[in-house]
Amino acid sequence: MKRTALVGAVAAAAFAVFATPALAVTAATAPAAAEPLSSCATPAFSQPFAPLKDNHWYTLAPGGNFSDATGWQLTGGAQVLQTAQADGTTGGVLDLPSHAQAVSPVMCVSVDYPNARLAVRNVVGAEGVFFYVSYYKDGVWSSPKNTGQFHGAKTGWTLSTPVNLQPTKTSGWQQVRFILVAGGNSSRFEVDEFWVDPRIRY
């Protein structure tokens, strides 16, 4: 599986702290409307990052292995490419040149789903990818809200530090879309393996 290759490739760099200057947030464009899900159900969980001493249980975001672009809204040059993975095999990754935007399919989360982690590499540049959330409430999608930024270490695959989903502090399911916007003016990033952390313990 791709996540096994990722673990081997980023083990040395996964928990490094990167010293980068403060950067202006690249604004997200409000995505096209999407139909909310008719129902929510508890997803399957696994521990993809246990070899990296992250023993949290995760669930894969919809389309989060980027085998294709199904369900994603891609603009500004964003695309899913079939390219070399960390283990040398070929698979899908999300390719994001500067100012490109990718909007995920709808996902159900709750207050117990606070964070996500992604694999990223800086193909060109180092500004990083900005992370936004948009929640469905009272029949409308909220404006995209920036909750953080993630970036790689040079051109190698890196596991991001956790990015914040900021679900509301209410009980029950909430429906969310994730919006990724590439920073910089002449950069390019690749993203793969998008996992959401529900903070459960077995």
N, C-alpha and C. Protein backbone atom coordinates (compact mmCIF):
# COMPACT_ATOMS: atom_id res chain seq x y z
N MET A 1 0.84 -1.19 0.00
CA MET A 1 0.00 0.00 0.00
C MET A 1 0.88 1.24 0.00
N LYS A 2 0.33 2.34 -0.54
CA LYS A 2 1.12 3.55 -0.66
C LYS A 2 1.56 4.09 0.69
N ARG A 3 0.72 3.96 1.71
CA ARG A 3 1.11 4.52 3.00
C ARG A 3 2.32 3.80 3.59
N THR A 4 2.50 2.51 3.25
CA THR A 4 3.68 1.78 3.71
C THR A 4 4.93 2.38 3.12
N ALA A 5 4.87 2.70 1.82
CA ALA A 5 6.01 3.35 1.17
C ALA A 5 6.28 4.71 1.78
N LEU A 6 5.20 5.43 2.09
CA LEU A 6 5.37 6.75 2.67
C LEU A 6 6.08 6.67 4.00
N VAL A 7 5.70 5.71 4.83
CA VAL A 7 6.34 5.57 6.14
C VAL A 7 7.83 5.37 6.00
N GLY A 8 8.24 4.53 5.05
CA GLY A 8 9.66 4.30 4.87
C GLY A 8 10.39 5.51 4.37
N ALA A 9 9.72 6.31 3.55
CA ALA A 9 10.40 7.44 2.93
C ALA A 9 10.55 8.64 3.84
N VAL A 10 9.62 8.82 4.76
CA VAL A 10 9.64 10.05 5.56
C VAL A 10 9.98 9.81 7.01
N ALA A 11 10.38 8.62 7.37
CA ALA A 11 10.62 8.33 8.78
C ALA A 11 11.61 9.29 9.41
N ALA A 12 12.65 9.65 8.68
CA ALA A 12 13.68 10.52 9.26
C ALA A 12 13.22 11.95 9.39
N ALA A 13 12.24 12.36 8.56
CA ALA A 13 11.88 13.77 8.54
C ALA A 13 10.49 14.05 9.10
N ALA A 14 9.74 13.03 9.48
CA ALA A 14 8.33 13.20 9.76
C ALA A 14 8.04 14.19 10.86
N PHE A 15 8.84 14.21 11.91
CA PHE A 15 8.54 15.07 13.03
C PHE A 15 9.51 16.24 13.16
N ALA A 16 10.20 16.57 12.08
CA ALA A 16 11.11 17.71 12.11
C ALA A 16 10.32 19.00 12.20
N VAL A 17 10.90 19.99 12.84
CA VAL A 17 10.29 21.31 12.92
C VAL A 17 10.98 22.18 11.89
N PHE A 18 10.21 22.79 11.01
CA PHE A 18 10.80 23.54 9.92
C PHE A 18 10.77 25.02 10.24
N ALA A 19 11.92 25.66 10.15
CA ALA A 19 12.01 27.09 10.42
C ALA A 19 11.80 27.84 9.13
N THR A 20 10.65 28.50 9.00
CA THR A 20 10.34 29.24 7.80
C THR A 20 9.84 30.62 8.19
N PRO A 21 10.10 31.61 7.37
CA PRO A 21 9.61 32.95 7.69
C PRO A 21 8.10 33.02 7.59
N ALA A 22 7.51 34.02 8.25
CA ALA A 22 6.07 34.21 8.16
C ALA A 22 5.70 34.56 6.72
N LEU A 23 4.63 33.94 6.23
CA LEU A 23 4.24 34.14 4.85
C LEU A 23 2.79 34.61 4.80
N ALA A 24 2.47 35.43 3.82
CA ALA A 24 1.09 35.86 3.64
C ALA A 24 0.23 34.68 3.24
N VAL A 25 -0.95 34.58 3.82
CA VAL A 25 -1.85 33.49 3.50
C VAL A 25 -2.38 33.66 2.09
N THR A 26 -2.34 32.61 1.30
CA THR A 26 -2.91 32.61 -0.03
C THR A 26 -4.41 32.34 0.09
N ALA A 27 -5.23 33.25 -0.38
CA ALA A 27 -6.68 33.15 -0.17
C ALA A 27 -7.28 32.04 -1.02
N ALA A 28 -8.26 31.36 -0.44
CA ALA A 28 -9.02 30.36 -1.18
C ALA A 28 -10.19 31.02 -1.89
N THR A 29 -10.54 30.48 -3.05
CA THR A 29 -11.73 30.91 -3.77
C THR A 29 -12.90 30.04 -3.32
N ALA A 30 -14.04 30.64 -3.03
CA ALA A 30 -15.20 29.86 -2.61
C ALA A 30 -15.51 28.81 -3.67
N PRO A 31 -15.56 27.54 -3.29
CA PRO A 31 -15.78 26.49 -4.28
C PRO A 31 -17.21 26.44 -4.78
N ALA A 32 -17.41 25.77 -5.89
CA ALA A 32 -18.76 25.55 -6.40
C ALA A 32 -19.57 24.76 -5.39
N ALA A 33 -20.85 24.97 -5.38
CA ALA A 33 -21.72 24.28 -4.42
C ALA A 33 -21.63 22.76 -4.59
N ALA A 34 -21.80 22.07 -3.48
CA ALA A 34 -21.79 20.61 -3.50
C ALA A 34 -22.98 20.10 -2.69
N GLU A 35 -23.58 19.02 -3.14
CA GLU A 35 -24.69 18.43 -2.41
C GLU A 35 -24.18 17.82 -1.11
N PRO A 36 -24.84 18.08 0.02
CA PRO A 36 -24.44 17.41 1.26
C PRO A 36 -24.75 15.92 1.18
N LEU A 37 -24.09 15.16 2.01
CA LEU A 37 -24.35 13.72 2.08
C LEU A 37 -25.72 13.48 2.71
N SER A 38 -26.38 12.43 2.26
CA SER A 38 -27.71 12.13 2.79
C SER A 38 -27.65 11.53 4.19
N SER A 39 -26.51 10.93 4.53
CA SER A 39 -26.35 10.34 5.85
C SER A 39 -24.87 10.20 6.16
N CYS A 40 -24.56 10.01 7.44
CA CYS A 40 -23.18 9.82 7.88
C CYS A 40 -23.08 8.50 8.64
N ALA A 41 -21.93 7.86 8.55
CA ALA A 41 -21.70 6.61 9.25
C ALA A 41 -20.26 6.57 9.72
N THR A 42 -20.00 5.82 10.79
CA THR A 42 -18.64 5.69 11.31
C THR A 42 -17.76 5.00 10.27
N PRO A 43 -16.63 5.59 9.90
CA PRO A 43 -15.77 5.00 8.87
C PRO A 43 -14.83 3.95 9.45
N ALA A 44 -14.05 3.33 8.58
CA ALA A 44 -13.02 2.38 9.00
C ALA A 44 -11.80 3.15 9.49
N PHE A 45 -11.10 2.58 10.47
CA PHE A 45 -9.92 3.22 11.05
C PHE A 45 -8.71 2.30 10.94
N SER A 46 -7.53 2.91 10.93
CA SER A 46 -6.27 2.17 10.94
C SER A 46 -5.20 3.05 11.57
N GLN A 47 -4.01 2.50 11.72
CA GLN A 47 -2.87 3.22 12.29
C GLN A 47 -1.75 3.33 11.26
N PRO A 48 -1.92 4.15 10.22
CA PRO A 48 -0.94 4.20 9.13
C PRO A 48 0.42 4.73 9.55
N PHE A 49 0.49 5.49 10.64
CA PHE A 49 1.74 6.13 11.02
C PHE A 49 2.35 5.53 12.28
N ALA A 50 1.90 4.35 12.67
CA ALA A 50 2.45 3.71 13.86
C ALA A 50 3.97 3.53 13.78
N PRO A 51 4.55 3.17 12.61
CA PRO A 51 6.01 3.06 12.54
C PRO A 51 6.75 4.37 12.81
N LEU A 52 6.02 5.50 12.73
CA LEU A 52 6.62 6.80 13.01
C LEU A 52 6.31 7.27 14.43
N LYS A 53 5.85 6.32 15.25
CA LYS A 53 5.53 6.59 16.66
C LYS A 53 4.32 7.50 16.82
N ASP A 54 3.49 7.57 15.78
CA ASP A 54 2.19 8.22 15.87
C ASP A 54 1.17 7.09 15.92
N ASN A 55 0.70 6.78 17.12
CA ASN A 55 -0.20 5.64 17.30
C ASN A 55 -1.67 6.01 17.25
N HIS A 56 -1.99 7.21 16.78
CA HIS A 56 -3.39 7.59 16.64
C HIS A 56 -4.05 6.75 15.55
N TRP A 57 -5.35 6.59 15.70
CA TRP A 57 -6.15 5.92 14.67
C TRP A 57 -6.66 6.96 13.69
N TYR A 58 -6.58 6.64 12.39
CA TYR A 58 -6.97 7.57 11.34
C TYR A 58 -7.98 6.93 10.40
N THR A 59 -8.68 7.79 9.69
CA THR A 59 -9.51 7.35 8.57
C THR A 59 -9.11 8.14 7.33
N LEU A 60 -9.08 7.50 6.18
CA LEU A 60 -8.67 8.16 4.95
C LEU A 60 -9.75 9.15 4.51
N ALA A 61 -9.35 10.37 4.23
CA ALA A 61 -10.29 11.36 3.69
C ALA A 61 -10.81 10.86 2.34
N PRO A 62 -12.01 11.26 1.94
CA PRO A 62 -12.55 10.79 0.66
C PRO A 62 -11.63 11.19 -0.50
N GLY A 63 -11.25 10.19 -1.28
CA GLY A 63 -10.30 10.44 -2.37
C GLY A 63 -8.92 10.77 -1.90
N GLY A 64 -8.62 10.47 -0.63
CA GLY A 64 -7.38 10.90 -0.02
C GLY A 64 -6.13 10.18 -0.45
N ASN A 65 -6.27 9.08 -1.21
CA ASN A 65 -5.06 8.45 -1.75
C ASN A 65 -4.78 8.91 -3.18
N PHE A 66 -5.66 9.77 -3.73
CA PHE A 66 -5.46 10.41 -5.03
C PHE A 66 -5.15 9.40 -6.14
N SER A 67 -5.84 8.27 -6.09
CA SER A 67 -5.70 7.33 -7.20
C SER A 67 -6.26 7.93 -8.49
N ASP A 68 -7.23 8.84 -8.34
CA ASP A 68 -7.74 9.63 -9.47
C ASP A 68 -8.36 10.90 -8.89
N ALA A 69 -9.00 11.69 -9.72
CA ALA A 69 -9.53 12.98 -9.27
C ALA A 69 -11.02 12.92 -8.97
N THR A 70 -11.60 11.73 -8.88
CA THR A 70 -13.04 11.60 -8.68
C THR A 70 -13.49 12.34 -7.42
N GLY A 71 -14.46 13.22 -7.59
CA GLY A 71 -15.04 13.93 -6.46
C GLY A 71 -14.33 15.22 -6.08
N TRP A 72 -13.12 15.43 -6.56
CA TRP A 72 -12.38 16.65 -6.24
C TRP A 72 -12.69 17.74 -7.26
N GLN A 73 -12.77 18.98 -6.80
CA GLN A 73 -12.86 20.14 -7.68
C GLN A 73 -11.46 20.73 -7.82
N LEU A 74 -10.92 20.70 -9.02
CA LEU A 74 -9.55 21.14 -9.25
C LEU A 74 -9.54 22.36 -10.16
N THR A 75 -8.90 23.43 -9.72
CA THR A 75 -8.83 24.66 -10.50
C THR A 75 -7.41 25.24 -10.43
N GLY A 76 -7.14 26.19 -11.34
CA GLY A 76 -5.87 26.90 -11.32
C GLY A 76 -4.66 26.06 -11.67
N GLY A 77 -4.87 24.96 -12.38
CA GLY A 77 -3.76 24.09 -12.76
C GLY A 77 -3.60 22.87 -11.87
N ALA A 78 -4.43 22.75 -10.84
CA ALA A 78 -4.36 21.55 -10.00
C ALA A 78 -4.78 20.33 -10.81
N GLN A 79 -4.09 19.21 -10.59
CA GLN A 79 -4.42 17.98 -11.30
C GLN A 79 -3.90 16.78 -10.53
N VAL A 80 -4.47 15.63 -10.81
CA VAL A 80 -3.95 14.38 -10.26
C VAL A 80 -3.05 13.76 -11.32
N LEU A 81 -1.80 13.54 -10.93
CA LEU A 81 -0.81 12.96 -11.84
C LEU A 81 -0.47 11.54 -11.42
N GLN A 82 -0.21 10.69 -12.38
CA GLN A 82 0.36 9.38 -12.11
C GLN A 82 1.87 9.54 -12.21
N THR A 83 2.53 9.42 -11.08
CA THR A 83 3.97 9.70 -11.05
C THR A 83 4.66 8.78 -10.05
N ALA A 84 5.97 8.93 -9.93
CA ALA A 84 6.73 8.05 -9.05
C ALA A 84 6.39 8.31 -7.59
N GLN A 85 6.10 7.24 -6.87
CA GLN A 85 5.86 7.30 -5.43
C GLN A 85 7.19 7.18 -4.68
N ALA A 86 7.09 7.27 -3.36
CA ALA A 86 8.31 7.21 -2.55
C ALA A 86 9.07 5.90 -2.73
N ASP A 87 8.34 4.81 -3.03
CA ASP A 87 9.01 3.52 -3.19
C ASP A 87 9.41 3.24 -4.63
N GLY A 88 9.21 4.22 -5.52
CA GLY A 88 9.58 4.04 -6.91
C GLY A 88 8.46 3.53 -7.79
N THR A 89 7.35 3.08 -7.19
CA THR A 89 6.21 2.64 -7.99
C THR A 89 5.44 3.86 -8.48
N THR A 90 4.56 3.64 -9.43
CA THR A 90 3.77 4.72 -10.00
C THR A 90 2.39 4.75 -9.37
N GLY A 91 1.93 5.94 -8.98
CA GLY A 91 0.60 6.10 -8.40
C GLY A 91 0.16 7.54 -8.50
N GLY A 92 -1.07 7.79 -8.09
CA GLY A 92 -1.63 9.12 -8.20
C GLY A 92 -1.22 10.03 -7.06
N VAL A 93 -0.91 11.28 -7.38
CA VAL A 93 -0.65 12.33 -6.39
C VAL A 93 -1.36 13.59 -6.86
N LEU A 94 -1.69 14.47 -5.94
CA LEU A 94 -2.28 15.75 -6.26
C LEU A 94 -1.17 16.75 -6.54
N ASP A 95 -1.15 17.29 -7.75
CA ASP A 95 -0.12 18.23 -8.18
C ASP A 95 -0.69 19.64 -8.10
N LEU A 96 0.01 20.53 -7.35
CA LEU A 96 -0.49 21.88 -7.08
C LEU A 96 0.58 22.93 -7.41
N PRO A 97 0.51 23.57 -8.58
CA PRO A 97 1.37 24.74 -8.82
C PRO A 97 0.84 25.92 -8.01
N SER A 98 1.65 26.95 -7.84
CA SER A 98 1.25 28.12 -7.07
C SER A 98 -0.13 28.63 -7.49
N HIS A 99 -0.97 28.94 -6.49
CA HIS A 99 -2.32 29.48 -6.65
C HIS A 99 -3.34 28.43 -7.10
N ALA A 100 -2.91 27.20 -7.37
CA ALA A 100 -3.87 26.15 -7.70
C ALA A 100 -4.69 25.79 -6.47
N GLN A 101 -5.90 25.30 -6.71
CA GLN A 101 -6.80 24.98 -5.61
C GLN A 101 -7.46 23.63 -5.84
N ALA A 102 -7.57 22.85 -4.76
CA ALA A 102 -8.23 21.55 -4.81
C ALA A 102 -9.23 21.47 -3.66
N VAL A 103 -10.48 21.12 -4.00
CA VAL A 103 -11.55 21.03 -3.01
C VAL A 103 -11.98 19.57 -2.91
N SER A 104 -11.97 19.03 -1.69
CA SER A 104 -12.26 17.62 -1.48
C SER A 104 -13.74 17.31 -1.63
N PRO A 105 -14.08 16.04 -1.81
CA PRO A 105 -15.47 15.63 -1.64
C PRO A 105 -15.92 15.88 -0.20
N VAL A 106 -17.22 15.82 0.02
CA VAL A 106 -17.79 16.05 1.35
C VAL A 106 -17.43 14.89 2.28
N MET A 107 -17.10 15.23 3.53
CA MET A 107 -16.77 14.23 4.54
C MET A 107 -17.53 14.53 5.82
N CYS A 108 -17.93 13.48 6.53
CA CYS A 108 -18.57 13.62 7.83
C CYS A 108 -17.52 13.55 8.93
N VAL A 109 -17.55 14.53 9.82
CA VAL A 109 -16.67 14.53 10.98
C VAL A 109 -17.51 14.93 12.20
N SER A 110 -16.90 14.90 13.36
CA SER A 110 -17.56 15.37 14.57
C SER A 110 -16.53 16.16 15.38
N VAL A 111 -16.94 16.63 16.54
CA VAL A 111 -16.02 17.36 17.40
C VAL A 111 -14.82 16.50 17.78
N ASP A 112 -14.95 15.19 17.66
CA ASP A 112 -13.86 14.28 17.99
C ASP A 112 -12.85 14.10 16.86
N TYR A 113 -13.02 14.81 15.76
CA TYR A 113 -12.12 14.73 14.61
C TYR A 113 -11.38 16.07 14.47
N PRO A 114 -10.37 16.34 15.29
CA PRO A 114 -9.79 17.69 15.30
C PRO A 114 -8.71 17.96 14.27
N ASN A 115 -8.02 16.90 13.77
CA ASN A 115 -6.81 17.12 12.97
C ASN A 115 -6.75 16.21 11.76
N ALA A 116 -5.83 16.55 10.87
CA ALA A 116 -5.52 15.70 9.72
C ALA A 116 -4.02 15.79 9.46
N ARG A 117 -3.49 14.79 8.76
CA ARG A 117 -2.10 14.82 8.31
C ARG A 117 -2.04 14.38 6.86
N LEU A 118 -1.08 14.92 6.13
CA LEU A 118 -0.93 14.63 4.72
C LEU A 118 0.54 14.45 4.39
N ALA A 119 0.81 13.74 3.33
CA ALA A 119 2.17 13.66 2.79
C ALA A 119 2.34 14.76 1.76
N VAL A 120 3.50 15.41 1.77
CA VAL A 120 3.74 16.53 0.86
C VAL A 120 5.19 16.56 0.45
N ARG A 121 5.44 17.03 -0.76
CA ARG A 121 6.81 17.31 -1.16
C ARG A 121 6.84 18.59 -1.99
N ASN A 122 7.89 19.35 -1.80
CA ASN A 122 8.09 20.60 -2.52
C ASN A 122 8.86 20.29 -3.80
N VAL A 123 8.16 20.25 -4.91
CA VAL A 123 8.83 19.99 -6.19
C VAL A 123 9.67 21.19 -6.59
N VAL A 124 9.08 22.39 -6.45
CA VAL A 124 9.79 23.65 -6.69
C VAL A 124 9.32 24.64 -5.63
N GLY A 125 10.24 25.36 -5.00
CA GLY A 125 9.86 26.35 -4.00
C GLY A 125 9.62 25.73 -2.64
N ALA A 126 9.26 26.59 -1.68
CA ALA A 126 9.13 26.10 -0.31
C ALA A 126 8.03 26.80 0.48
N GLU A 127 7.14 27.52 -0.20
CA GLU A 127 6.15 28.31 0.53
C GLU A 127 5.11 27.45 1.23
N GLY A 128 4.74 26.33 0.66
CA GLY A 128 3.81 25.42 1.29
C GLY A 128 2.39 25.52 0.76
N VAL A 129 1.52 24.69 1.34
CA VAL A 129 0.13 24.57 0.92
C VAL A 129 -0.77 25.03 2.07
N PHE A 130 -1.70 25.92 1.79
CA PHE A 130 -2.62 26.42 2.80
C PHE A 130 -3.85 25.52 2.89
N PHE A 131 -4.31 25.30 4.13
CA PHE A 131 -5.39 24.36 4.41
C PHE A 131 -6.62 25.13 4.89
N TYR A 132 -7.74 24.90 4.23
CA TYR A 132 -9.00 25.57 4.57
C TYR A 132 -10.08 24.52 4.84
N VAL A 133 -11.10 24.94 5.61
CA VAL A 133 -12.28 24.10 5.83
C VAL A 133 -13.52 24.91 5.49
N SER A 134 -14.55 24.21 5.02
CA SER A 134 -15.86 24.81 4.77
C SER A 134 -16.91 23.84 5.27
N TYR A 135 -17.73 24.27 6.25
CA TYR A 135 -18.72 23.40 6.87
C TYR A 135 -20.12 23.71 6.35
N TYR A 136 -20.95 22.66 6.31
CA TYR A 136 -22.34 22.78 5.87
C TYR A 136 -23.22 23.02 7.10
N LYS A 137 -23.88 24.15 7.14
CA LYS A 137 -24.71 24.49 8.29
C LYS A 137 -25.91 25.30 7.84
N ASP A 138 -27.07 24.91 8.35
CA ASP A 138 -28.32 25.61 8.04
C ASP A 138 -28.54 25.73 6.53
N GLY A 139 -28.16 24.68 5.81
CA GLY A 139 -28.45 24.62 4.38
C GLY A 139 -27.47 25.32 3.47
N VAL A 140 -26.37 25.85 4.02
CA VAL A 140 -25.38 26.52 3.17
C VAL A 140 -23.97 26.12 3.61
N TRP A 141 -23.02 26.26 2.69
CA TRP A 141 -21.62 26.02 2.99
C TRP A 141 -20.98 27.31 3.50
N SER A 142 -20.23 27.22 4.58
CA SER A 142 -19.56 28.40 5.12
C SER A 142 -18.44 28.85 4.20
N SER A 143 -18.04 30.12 4.34
CA SER A 143 -16.89 30.61 3.58
C SER A 143 -15.64 29.86 4.01
N PRO A 144 -14.72 29.59 3.08
CA PRO A 144 -13.50 28.86 3.44
C PRO A 144 -12.74 29.55 4.56
N LYS A 145 -12.32 28.78 5.55
CA LYS A 145 -11.58 29.32 6.70
C LYS A 145 -10.20 28.69 6.76
N ASN A 146 -9.18 29.52 6.74
CA ASN A 146 -7.82 29.02 6.81
C ASN A 146 -7.51 28.53 8.23
N THR A 147 -7.01 27.31 8.34
CA THR A 147 -6.68 26.75 9.66
C THR A 147 -5.22 26.32 9.78
N GLY A 148 -4.42 26.62 8.76
CA GLY A 148 -3.01 26.27 8.86
C GLY A 148 -2.35 26.13 7.50
N GLN A 149 -1.11 25.66 7.54
CA GLN A 149 -0.31 25.49 6.35
C GLN A 149 0.59 24.28 6.56
N PHE A 150 0.88 23.55 5.49
CA PHE A 150 1.83 22.45 5.60
C PHE A 150 2.79 22.50 4.41
N HIS A 151 3.99 21.97 4.60
CA HIS A 151 5.00 22.01 3.54
C HIS A 151 5.98 20.88 3.75
N GLY A 152 6.73 20.59 2.69
CA GLY A 152 7.68 19.50 2.75
C GLY A 152 9.06 19.97 3.16
N ALA A 153 10.01 19.04 3.06
CA ALA A 153 11.41 19.33 3.34
C ALA A 153 12.19 19.09 2.06
N LYS A 154 12.53 20.18 1.40
CA LYS A 154 13.19 20.09 0.09
C LYS A 154 12.29 19.32 -0.85
N THR A 155 12.83 18.36 -1.63
CA THR A 155 12.00 17.68 -2.63
C THR A 155 11.61 16.27 -2.20
N GLY A 156 11.92 15.89 -0.99
CA GLY A 156 11.54 14.56 -0.52
C GLY A 156 10.17 14.56 0.12
N TRP A 157 9.53 13.39 0.14
CA TRP A 157 8.23 13.28 0.79
C TRP A 157 8.37 13.49 2.29
N THR A 158 7.47 14.29 2.85
CA THR A 158 7.44 14.60 4.27
C THR A 158 6.02 14.41 4.79
N LEU A 159 5.89 13.89 5.97
CA LEU A 159 4.59 13.82 6.63
C LEU A 159 4.34 15.13 7.35
N SER A 160 3.22 15.77 7.06
CA SER A 160 2.94 17.08 7.65
C SER A 160 2.73 16.98 9.15
N THR A 161 2.96 18.08 9.84
CA THR A 161 2.47 18.20 11.19
C THR A 161 0.93 18.26 11.11
N PRO A 162 0.22 18.00 12.21
CA PRO A 162 -1.25 18.02 12.15
C PRO A 162 -1.79 19.39 11.74
N VAL A 163 -2.80 19.37 10.86
CA VAL A 163 -3.52 20.59 10.51
C VAL A 163 -4.90 20.51 11.14
N ASN A 164 -5.44 21.66 11.49
CA ASN A 164 -6.65 21.74 12.31
C ASN A 164 -7.91 21.74 11.46
N LEU A 165 -8.87 20.88 11.81
CA LEU A 165 -10.16 20.84 11.11
C LEU A 165 -11.16 21.83 11.71
N GLN A 166 -10.99 22.20 12.94
CA GLN A 166 -11.85 23.14 13.65
C GLN A 166 -13.34 22.82 13.53
N PRO A 167 -13.75 21.59 13.87
CA PRO A 167 -15.19 21.31 13.92
C PRO A 167 -15.83 22.10 15.07
N THR A 168 -17.12 22.37 14.95
CA THR A 168 -17.79 23.09 16.02
C THR A 168 -17.95 22.18 17.24
N LYS A 169 -18.03 22.78 18.41
CA LYS A 169 -18.09 22.02 19.65
C LYS A 169 -19.53 21.65 19.99
N THR A 170 -20.13 20.88 19.08
CA THR A 170 -21.48 20.39 19.27
C THR A 170 -21.49 18.89 19.05
N SER A 171 -22.52 18.23 19.52
CA SER A 171 -22.62 16.79 19.34
C SER A 171 -23.13 16.47 17.94
N GLY A 172 -22.87 15.24 17.51
CA GLY A 172 -23.38 14.80 16.22
C GLY A 172 -22.43 15.05 15.07
N TRP A 173 -22.84 14.56 13.90
CA TRP A 173 -22.03 14.68 12.70
C TRP A 173 -22.07 16.09 12.12
N GLN A 174 -20.96 16.48 11.52
CA GLN A 174 -20.86 17.73 10.77
C GLN A 174 -20.28 17.40 9.41
N GLN A 175 -20.74 18.09 8.38
CA GLN A 175 -20.24 17.83 7.04
C GLN A 175 -19.27 18.94 6.62
N VAL A 176 -18.13 18.52 6.06
CA VAL A 176 -17.05 19.47 5.77
C VAL A 176 -16.44 19.17 4.42
N ARG A 177 -15.92 20.20 3.78
CA ARG A 177 -15.05 20.05 2.62
C ARG A 177 -13.70 20.69 2.96
N PHE A 178 -12.64 20.10 2.46
CA PHE A 178 -11.28 20.61 2.69
C PHE A 178 -10.79 21.28 1.41
N ILE A 179 -10.14 22.41 1.57
CA ILE A 179 -9.67 23.19 0.43
C ILE A 179 -8.17 23.39 0.57
N LEU A 180 -7.42 22.95 -0.42
CA LEU A 180 -5.96 23.07 -0.42
C LEU A 180 -5.57 24.10 -1.47
N VAL A 181 -4.77 25.09 -1.05
CA VAL A 181 -4.35 26.16 -1.97
C VAL A 181 -2.83 26.27 -1.93
N ALA A 182 -2.19 26.15 -3.08
CA ALA A 182 -0.73 26.21 -3.14
C ALA A 182 -0.24 27.65 -3.02
N GLY A 183 0.74 27.87 -2.15
CA GLY A 183 1.29 29.19 -1.93
C GLY A 183 2.39 29.53 -2.92
N GLY A 184 2.94 30.73 -2.74
CA GLY A 184 4.03 31.20 -3.59
C GLY A 184 3.54 31.70 -4.94
N ASN A 185 4.50 32.07 -5.77
CA ASN A 185 4.18 32.56 -7.11
C ASN A 185 4.77 31.69 -8.21
N SER A 186 5.79 30.94 -7.90
CA SER A 186 6.42 30.09 -8.92
C SER A 186 6.82 28.75 -8.32
N SER A 187 5.98 28.25 -7.43
CA SER A 187 6.27 27.00 -6.75
C SER A 187 5.38 25.87 -7.27
N ARG A 188 5.65 24.67 -6.81
CA ARG A 188 4.84 23.52 -7.18
C ARG A 188 4.99 22.48 -6.08
N PHE A 189 3.87 21.89 -5.68
CA PHE A 189 3.85 20.92 -4.60
C PHE A 189 3.09 19.68 -5.05
N GLU A 190 3.40 18.56 -4.40
CA GLU A 190 2.64 17.34 -4.60
C GLU A 190 2.15 16.86 -3.25
N VAL A 191 0.91 16.40 -3.21
CA VAL A 191 0.25 15.98 -1.98
C VAL A 191 -0.29 14.57 -2.16
N ASP A 192 -0.23 13.79 -1.09
CA ASP A 192 -0.70 12.41 -1.15
C ASP A 192 -1.10 11.98 0.25
N GLU A 193 -1.83 10.86 0.35
CA GLU A 193 -2.14 10.23 1.63
C GLU A 193 -2.71 11.20 2.66
N PHE A 194 -3.97 11.55 2.47
CA PHE A 194 -4.68 12.54 3.30
C PHE A 194 -5.51 11.77 4.34
N TRP A 195 -5.06 11.82 5.60
CA TRP A 195 -5.68 11.05 6.69
C TRP A 195 -6.23 11.98 7.76
N VAL A 196 -7.42 11.65 8.25
CA VAL A 196 -8.10 12.44 9.29
C VAL A 196 -8.06 11.66 10.61
N ASP A 197 -7.76 12.38 11.68
CA ASP A 197 -7.57 11.78 13.01
C ASP A 197 -8.81 11.98 13.87
N PRO A 198 -9.54 10.89 14.18
CA PRO A 198 -10.74 11.03 15.02
C PRO A 198 -10.46 10.97 16.51
N ARG A 199 -9.21 10.84 16.90
CA ARG A 199 -8.83 10.83 18.31
C ARG A 199 -9.50 9.68 19.09
N ILE A 200 -9.78 8.58 18.41
CA ILE A 200 -10.35 7.44 19.13
C ILE A 200 -9.24 6.58 19.70
N ARG A 201 -9.60 5.76 20.67
CA ARG A 201 -8.66 4.81 21.26
C ARG A 201 -9.36 3.45 21.36
N TYR A 202 -8.65 2.41 20.89
CA TYR A 202 -9.21 1.06 21.01
C TYR A 202 -8.56 0.35 22.17
